[in-house]
Amino acid sequence: MKQQMNRLAHQGEKIYKQILNKLLLEAKGKFAAIDIQSSEYFIGNSLLETVTRAKEKYPDRKFHIVRIGHRAAVSFKHRCKP
């Protein structure tokens, strides 16, 4: 399973780098779900919207998810209270 996820991430990043300039022009800050089998991608304003669009076309596939122009698709900020 871990090997499969590593392959998905590696292939997804490879495709993302190939289409990054185009995505930055048309959808910076939005989410993209990349299908590594077809190299097709789906754009949305939210993570849920993006994955829903991708799953409508390819319900049994897994996708590489990115936030266009960001280092990570999501982040979790941890705040410690004194």
N, C-alpha and C. Protein backbone atom coordinates (compact mmCIF):
# COMPACT_ATOMS: atom_id res chain seq x y z
N MET A 1 0.83 -1.20 0.00
CA MET A 1 0.00 0.00 0.00
C MET A 1 0.87 1.26 0.00
N LYS A 2 1.90 1.26 0.87
CA LYS A 2 2.79 2.43 0.93
C LYS A 2 3.50 2.64 -0.40
N GLN A 3 3.93 1.56 -1.01
CA GLN A 3 4.61 1.64 -2.30
C GLN A 3 3.67 2.22 -3.37
N GLN A 4 2.40 1.82 -3.32
CA GLN A 4 1.41 2.32 -4.27
C GLN A 4 1.19 3.83 -4.07
N MET A 5 1.15 4.28 -2.82
CA MET A 5 0.97 5.70 -2.52
C MET A 5 2.19 6.51 -2.95
N ASN A 6 3.39 5.95 -2.76
CA ASN A 6 4.60 6.63 -3.21
C ASN A 6 4.61 6.79 -4.73
N ARG A 7 4.16 5.75 -5.43
CA ARG A 7 4.08 5.81 -6.88
C ARG A 7 3.08 6.87 -7.33
N LEU A 8 1.94 6.92 -6.67
CA LEU A 8 0.92 7.91 -6.98
C LEU A 8 1.48 9.32 -6.78
N ALA A 9 2.14 9.55 -5.66
CA ALA A 9 2.70 10.87 -5.37
C ALA A 9 3.79 11.23 -6.38
N HIS A 10 4.67 10.29 -6.68
CA HIS A 10 5.77 10.55 -7.61
C HIS A 10 5.25 10.87 -9.01
N GLN A 11 4.36 10.04 -9.52
CA GLN A 11 3.80 10.26 -10.86
C GLN A 11 2.96 11.54 -10.90
N GLY A 12 2.18 11.77 -9.83
CA GLY A 12 1.36 12.97 -9.77
C GLY A 12 2.19 14.23 -9.78
N GLU A 13 3.30 14.25 -9.02
CA GLU A 13 4.18 15.42 -9.00
C GLU A 13 4.85 15.63 -10.36
N LYS A 14 5.18 14.54 -11.02
CA LYS A 14 5.80 14.64 -12.34
C LYS A 14 4.83 15.32 -13.33
N ILE A 15 3.59 14.89 -13.32
CA ILE A 15 2.58 15.49 -14.20
C ILE A 15 2.33 16.94 -13.80
N TYR A 16 2.22 17.19 -12.50
CA TYR A 16 1.97 18.55 -12.00
C TYR A 16 3.06 19.51 -12.48
N LYS A 17 4.31 19.11 -12.41
CA LYS A 17 5.40 19.97 -12.86
C LYS A 17 5.31 20.27 -14.35
N GLN A 18 4.81 19.32 -15.13
CA GLN A 18 4.68 19.51 -16.57
C GLN A 18 3.59 20.52 -16.92
N ILE A 19 2.55 20.60 -16.09
CA ILE A 19 1.42 21.48 -16.40
C ILE A 19 1.35 22.70 -15.48
N LEU A 20 2.35 22.87 -14.63
CA LEU A 20 2.30 23.91 -13.60
C LEU A 20 2.12 25.31 -14.18
N ASN A 21 2.88 25.68 -15.19
CA ASN A 21 2.76 27.03 -15.74
C ASN A 21 1.34 27.33 -16.23
N LYS A 22 0.74 26.37 -16.90
CA LYS A 22 -0.64 26.53 -17.39
C LYS A 22 -1.60 26.68 -16.21
N LEU A 23 -1.43 25.84 -15.19
CA LEU A 23 -2.31 25.90 -14.02
C LEU A 23 -2.16 27.21 -13.27
N LEU A 24 -0.94 27.70 -13.15
CA LEU A 24 -0.72 28.97 -12.44
C LEU A 24 -1.45 30.12 -13.13
N LEU A 25 -1.49 30.08 -14.44
CA LEU A 25 -2.18 31.13 -15.20
C LEU A 25 -3.69 31.07 -15.04
N GLU A 26 -4.24 29.87 -15.02
CA GLU A 26 -5.70 29.75 -15.04
C GLU A 26 -6.34 29.46 -13.69
N ALA A 27 -5.55 28.98 -12.71
CA ALA A 27 -6.23 28.52 -11.48
C ALA A 27 -5.36 28.60 -10.23
N LYS A 28 -4.48 29.58 -10.13
CA LYS A 28 -3.62 29.69 -8.96
C LYS A 28 -4.45 29.79 -7.68
N GLY A 29 -4.06 28.99 -6.68
CA GLY A 29 -4.76 28.98 -5.40
C GLY A 29 -5.91 27.98 -5.32
N LYS A 30 -6.33 27.46 -6.47
CA LYS A 30 -7.39 26.45 -6.47
C LYS A 30 -6.77 25.06 -6.28
N PHE A 31 -7.61 24.06 -6.18
CA PHE A 31 -7.16 22.69 -6.01
C PHE A 31 -7.20 21.96 -7.35
N ALA A 32 -6.30 21.01 -7.51
CA ALA A 32 -6.29 20.15 -8.69
C ALA A 32 -6.17 18.70 -8.24
N ALA A 33 -6.96 17.85 -8.88
CA ALA A 33 -6.88 16.40 -8.68
C ALA A 33 -6.35 15.83 -9.99
N ILE A 34 -5.19 15.18 -9.91
CA ILE A 34 -4.54 14.67 -11.10
C ILE A 34 -4.67 13.16 -11.16
N ASP A 35 -5.20 12.67 -12.28
CA ASP A 35 -5.30 11.23 -12.52
C ASP A 35 -4.03 10.79 -13.21
N ILE A 36 -3.22 9.96 -12.57
CA ILE A 36 -1.93 9.59 -13.13
C ILE A 36 -2.05 8.63 -14.30
N GLN A 37 -3.17 7.96 -14.45
CA GLN A 37 -3.33 7.04 -15.58
C GLN A 37 -3.58 7.77 -16.89
N SER A 38 -4.35 8.85 -16.85
CA SER A 38 -4.70 9.58 -18.06
C SER A 38 -3.99 10.93 -18.18
N SER A 39 -3.37 11.40 -17.09
CA SER A 39 -2.78 12.74 -16.99
C SER A 39 -3.84 13.84 -17.02
N GLU A 40 -5.09 13.45 -16.92
CA GLU A 40 -6.18 14.42 -16.87
C GLU A 40 -6.25 15.02 -15.47
N TYR A 41 -6.65 16.28 -15.39
CA TYR A 41 -6.76 16.92 -14.09
C TYR A 41 -8.11 17.63 -13.97
N PHE A 42 -8.51 17.82 -12.73
CA PHE A 42 -9.79 18.44 -12.41
C PHE A 42 -9.52 19.59 -11.45
N ILE A 43 -10.15 20.73 -11.70
CA ILE A 43 -9.92 21.94 -10.91
C ILE A 43 -11.17 22.25 -10.09
N GLY A 44 -10.97 22.75 -8.88
CA GLY A 44 -12.09 23.18 -8.05
C GLY A 44 -11.65 24.22 -7.04
N ASN A 45 -12.61 24.92 -6.48
CA ASN A 45 -12.32 25.94 -5.47
C ASN A 45 -12.05 25.35 -4.10
N SER A 46 -12.56 24.15 -3.86
CA SER A 46 -12.34 23.48 -2.58
C SER A 46 -11.85 22.06 -2.84
N LEU A 47 -11.29 21.47 -1.82
CA LEU A 47 -10.83 20.09 -1.94
C LEU A 47 -12.00 19.16 -2.26
N LEU A 48 -13.12 19.34 -1.58
CA LEU A 48 -14.29 18.50 -1.80
C LEU A 48 -14.83 18.64 -3.23
N GLU A 49 -14.94 19.86 -3.71
CA GLU A 49 -15.43 20.09 -5.07
C GLU A 49 -14.52 19.43 -6.11
N THR A 50 -13.23 19.54 -5.90
CA THR A 50 -12.26 18.99 -6.83
C THR A 50 -12.32 17.47 -6.88
N VAL A 51 -12.33 16.84 -5.72
CA VAL A 51 -12.38 15.38 -5.68
C VAL A 51 -13.72 14.87 -6.21
N THR A 52 -14.79 15.57 -5.93
CA THR A 52 -16.11 15.18 -6.45
C THR A 52 -16.10 15.17 -7.97
N ARG A 53 -15.53 16.20 -8.58
CA ARG A 53 -15.46 16.25 -10.05
C ARG A 53 -14.63 15.09 -10.61
N ALA A 54 -13.52 14.83 -9.97
CA ALA A 54 -12.65 13.75 -10.43
C ALA A 54 -13.34 12.39 -10.30
N LYS A 55 -14.00 12.17 -9.17
CA LYS A 55 -14.67 10.89 -8.91
C LYS A 55 -15.89 10.68 -9.80
N GLU A 56 -16.50 11.76 -10.29
CA GLU A 56 -17.62 11.61 -11.23
C GLU A 56 -17.17 10.92 -12.51
N LYS A 57 -15.97 11.25 -12.96
CA LYS A 57 -15.47 10.65 -14.19
C LYS A 57 -14.75 9.33 -13.94
N TYR A 58 -13.99 9.26 -12.87
CA TYR A 58 -13.21 8.06 -12.55
C TYR A 58 -13.49 7.63 -11.11
N PRO A 59 -14.62 7.00 -10.86
CA PRO A 59 -15.02 6.69 -9.48
C PRO A 59 -14.11 5.70 -8.75
N ASP A 60 -13.38 4.88 -9.46
CA ASP A 60 -12.56 3.86 -8.80
C ASP A 60 -11.08 4.20 -8.74
N ARG A 61 -10.72 5.41 -9.11
CA ARG A 61 -9.31 5.78 -9.14
C ARG A 61 -8.93 6.66 -7.95
N LYS A 62 -7.62 6.68 -7.68
CA LYS A 62 -7.07 7.58 -6.67
C LYS A 62 -6.39 8.72 -7.40
N PHE A 63 -6.33 9.88 -6.77
CA PHE A 63 -5.81 11.07 -7.42
C PHE A 63 -4.71 11.72 -6.59
N HIS A 64 -3.81 12.37 -7.29
CA HIS A 64 -2.80 13.19 -6.64
C HIS A 64 -3.43 14.57 -6.49
N ILE A 65 -3.50 15.07 -5.27
CA ILE A 65 -4.15 16.34 -4.99
C ILE A 65 -3.11 17.41 -4.68
N VAL A 66 -3.26 18.56 -5.32
CA VAL A 66 -2.37 19.69 -5.06
C VAL A 66 -3.20 20.96 -4.94
N ARG A 67 -2.63 21.92 -4.25
CA ARG A 67 -3.18 23.28 -4.28
C ARG A 67 -2.24 24.07 -5.16
N ILE A 68 -2.74 24.56 -6.24
CA ILE A 68 -1.92 25.14 -7.30
C ILE A 68 -1.16 26.36 -6.78
N GLY A 69 0.16 26.27 -6.90
CA GLY A 69 1.03 27.36 -6.46
C GLY A 69 1.41 27.30 -5.00
N HIS A 70 1.01 26.26 -4.29
CA HIS A 70 1.32 26.11 -2.87
C HIS A 70 2.18 24.87 -2.66
N ARG A 71 2.90 24.83 -1.54
CA ARG A 71 3.75 23.68 -1.25
C ARG A 71 2.95 22.46 -0.81
N ALA A 72 1.78 22.68 -0.24
CA ALA A 72 0.95 21.56 0.24
C ALA A 72 -0.51 21.85 -0.09
N ALA A 73 -1.29 20.79 -0.27
CA ALA A 73 -2.71 20.95 -0.56
C ALA A 73 -3.45 21.50 0.66
N VAL A 74 -3.11 21.01 1.83
CA VAL A 74 -3.72 21.48 3.08
C VAL A 74 -2.63 21.60 4.13
N SER A 75 -2.87 22.42 5.12
CA SER A 75 -1.93 22.53 6.23
C SER A 75 -2.73 22.63 7.52
N PHE A 76 -2.11 22.19 8.58
CA PHE A 76 -2.73 22.23 9.89
C PHE A 76 -1.80 23.03 10.81
N LYS A 77 -2.28 24.14 11.28
CA LYS A 77 -1.48 24.96 12.17
C LYS A 77 -1.80 24.57 13.60
N HIS A 78 -0.78 24.30 14.34
CA HIS A 78 -0.94 23.90 15.75
C HIS A 78 -0.56 25.09 16.63
N ARG A 79 -1.46 25.47 17.46
CA ARG A 79 -1.19 26.57 18.39
C ARG A 79 -1.20 26.03 19.79
N CYS A 80 -0.17 26.35 20.49
CA CYS A 80 -0.08 25.94 21.90
C CYS A 80 -0.56 27.08 22.78
N LYS A 81 -1.41 26.77 23.70
CA LYS A 81 -1.85 27.78 24.65
C LYS A 81 -0.95 27.72 25.86
N PRO A 82 -0.51 28.88 26.36
CA PRO A 82 0.39 28.88 27.53
C PRO A 82 -0.30 28.38 28.78
